[in-house]
Protein backbone atom coordinates (compact mmCIF):
# COMPACT_ATOMS: atom_id res chain seq x y z
CA MET A 1 95.20 108.02 107.22
CA ILE A 2 93.35 109.57 104.26
CA ASP A 3 89.89 109.11 102.76
CA ASP A 4 88.77 108.26 99.22
CA ILE A 5 91.84 106.20 98.41
CA ILE A 6 92.47 105.73 94.68
CA TYR A 7 95.86 103.98 94.95
CA LYS A 8 97.05 101.72 97.73
CA ILE A 9 100.12 99.54 98.17
CA GLU A 10 101.09 97.44 101.14
CA LYS A 11 104.65 96.11 101.06
CA LYS A 12 106.49 94.01 103.57
CA SER A 13 110.17 93.36 103.01
CA LYS A 14 113.20 92.07 104.80
CA THR A 15 115.67 94.76 105.81
CA THR A 16 117.69 95.58 102.68
CA LYS A 17 119.10 98.73 101.10
CA ASN A 18 117.21 97.85 97.90
CA LEU A 19 113.99 98.73 99.69
CA VAL A 20 114.68 102.44 99.17
CA LYS A 21 114.91 102.00 95.41
CA ASP A 22 111.84 99.73 95.32
CA VAL A 23 109.72 102.29 97.17
CA GLU A 24 111.00 105.16 95.01
CA ILE A 25 109.74 103.24 91.98
CA LEU A 26 106.33 102.82 93.63
CA ILE A 27 106.22 106.53 94.50
CA SER A 28 107.10 107.52 90.94
CA LYS A 29 103.76 106.05 89.86
CA ILE A 30 101.86 108.80 91.69
CA LYS A 31 102.81 111.23 88.94
CA ASP A 32 100.97 108.94 86.50
CA ILE A 33 97.84 108.93 88.65
CA VAL A 34 97.45 112.48 89.98
CA GLU A 35 98.88 115.89 89.25
CA VAL A 36 101.65 116.78 91.66
CA SER A 37 104.25 119.54 91.50
CA ASP A 38 107.91 118.65 91.25
CA GLN A 39 108.56 120.35 94.62
CA ILE A 40 105.99 118.22 96.44
CA TYR A 41 107.14 115.09 94.65
CA TYR A 42 110.76 115.71 95.70
CA ASN A 43 109.67 116.46 99.28
CA ILE A 44 107.95 113.07 99.31
CA ILE A 45 111.02 111.28 97.91
CA VAL A 46 113.43 112.89 100.40
CA ALA A 47 111.20 112.34 103.45
CA VAL A 48 110.32 108.76 102.55
CA THR A 49 113.96 107.93 101.82
CA GLU A 50 114.89 109.30 105.27
CA GLY A 51 112.11 107.25 106.89
CA ILE A 52 113.13 104.02 105.22
CA ASN A 53 116.82 104.57 105.91
CA ASN A 54 116.00 105.23 109.60
CA ALA A 55 113.99 101.99 109.71
CA ILE A 56 116.86 100.06 108.12
CA ASN A 57 119.77 101.57 110.01
CA HIS A 58 118.42 102.74 113.36
CA GLY A 59 115.30 100.63 113.80
CA ASN A 60 116.26 97.22 112.49
CA LYS A 61 120.03 97.92 112.75
CA SER A 62 120.46 96.40 109.25
CA ASP A 63 119.31 93.00 110.56
CA LYS A 64 118.28 91.16 107.38
CA GLU A 65 115.98 88.87 109.39
CA LYS A 66 113.74 91.75 110.50
CA ASP A 67 110.89 93.15 108.41
CA ILE A 68 109.96 96.64 107.35
CA LYS A 69 106.33 97.22 106.46
CA ILE A 70 105.33 100.07 104.18
CA ASP A 71 101.78 101.17 103.44
CA ILE A 72 101.18 103.81 100.75
CA TYR A 73 97.84 105.56 100.21
CA LEU A 74 96.94 108.11 97.58
CA ASN A 75 93.89 110.15 96.78
CA LYS A 76 93.54 113.13 94.46
CA ASN A 77 94.59 115.55 97.23
CA ALA A 78 97.08 113.69 99.41
CA PHE A 79 99.82 111.07 99.57
CA ALA A 80 100.21 109.14 102.83
CA ILE A 81 102.80 106.62 103.92
CA GLN A 82 103.36 104.51 106.98
CA ILE A 83 106.77 102.93 107.64
CA GLU A 84 107.05 100.33 110.40
CA ASP A 85 110.22 98.62 111.65
CA GLN A 86 110.89 95.88 114.21
CA GLY A 87 113.50 97.75 116.22
CA GLU A 88 113.70 98.43 119.93
CA GLY A 89 112.07 101.84 119.67
CA PHE A 90 113.44 105.15 120.90
CA GLU A 91 112.39 108.33 122.66
CA ILE A 92 111.65 111.06 120.11
CA GLU A 93 112.45 113.64 122.79
CA ASN A 94 116.07 112.43 122.75
CA VAL A 95 116.54 113.36 119.08
CA LYS A 96 118.57 116.56 119.09
CA ASP A 97 117.71 119.50 116.84
CA PRO A 98 120.24 119.31 113.97
CA ARG A 99 120.08 123.12 113.56
CA ASN A 100 121.67 123.73 116.98
CA HIS A 101 125.31 124.71 116.77
CA GLU A 102 126.54 121.71 118.79
CA ASN A 103 124.73 119.30 116.43
CA LEU A 104 125.69 120.76 113.05
CA LEU A 105 128.53 118.33 112.38
CA LYS A 106 126.96 115.22 113.87
CA ASP A 107 126.39 112.23 111.57
CA ASN A 108 122.78 111.69 112.57
CA GLY A 109 119.68 113.55 113.72
CA ARG A 110 118.60 115.10 110.44
CA GLY A 111 116.17 112.43 109.25
CA VAL A 112 113.40 113.09 111.77
CA PHE A 113 113.82 116.82 111.27
CA LEU A 114 113.53 116.50 107.48
CA MET A 115 110.48 114.24 107.68
CA LYS A 116 108.72 116.74 109.97
CA GLU A 117 109.64 119.73 107.82
CA LEU A 118 108.83 118.21 104.43
CA SER A 119 105.50 116.56 105.27
CA ASN A 120 102.23 118.28 106.12
CA ASP A 121 101.47 115.83 108.90
CA PHE A 122 104.08 113.80 110.75
CA GLN A 123 103.45 111.26 113.49
CA ILE A 124 105.83 108.85 115.14
CA SER A 125 105.17 106.21 117.74
CA SER A 126 107.81 104.03 119.23
CA SER A 127 107.73 100.99 121.49
CA VAL A 128 109.86 97.99 122.32
CA SER A 129 108.36 96.23 119.29
CA GLY A 130 109.38 98.91 116.80
CA THR A 131 108.71 102.35 115.46
CA VAL A 132 105.88 103.51 113.21
CA VAL A 133 106.29 106.70 111.16
CA LYS A 134 103.27 108.22 109.41
CA MET A 135 103.52 111.09 106.97
CA ILE A 136 100.91 112.87 104.89
CA PHE A 137 101.74 115.21 102.03
CA ASN A 138 99.13 117.57 100.58
CA LEU A 139 99.28 117.40 96.80
CA LYS A 140 97.44 120.66 96.11
């Protein structure tokens, strides 16, 4: 995902809401390692929270027996994360644009939009064995 990695964490966890808090704690450590603006830091927190919540709620459907795998990579210029669930997958083309008038009041559909908008590189692949979301954030 990125080169010259100076910080790397691989975490595998059962599906639990506590995972969001655990990963936020891990992400907070990047400010101790590299210089990052508050704006970029908050973009990372919001996008990663959306990704994990999607994996919990939509991917694994809150099934506590399924795993979520998170890989975090950091170098002096970029933060990268990969979030992988064990869901049934979905078609990204079926995710409606939350900015369209008919979707403004819907309860879902904003997470993918936010991840795309807040990251510098966003990739998603989905299959019957789960979904993998990759995001890269430029730190400079």
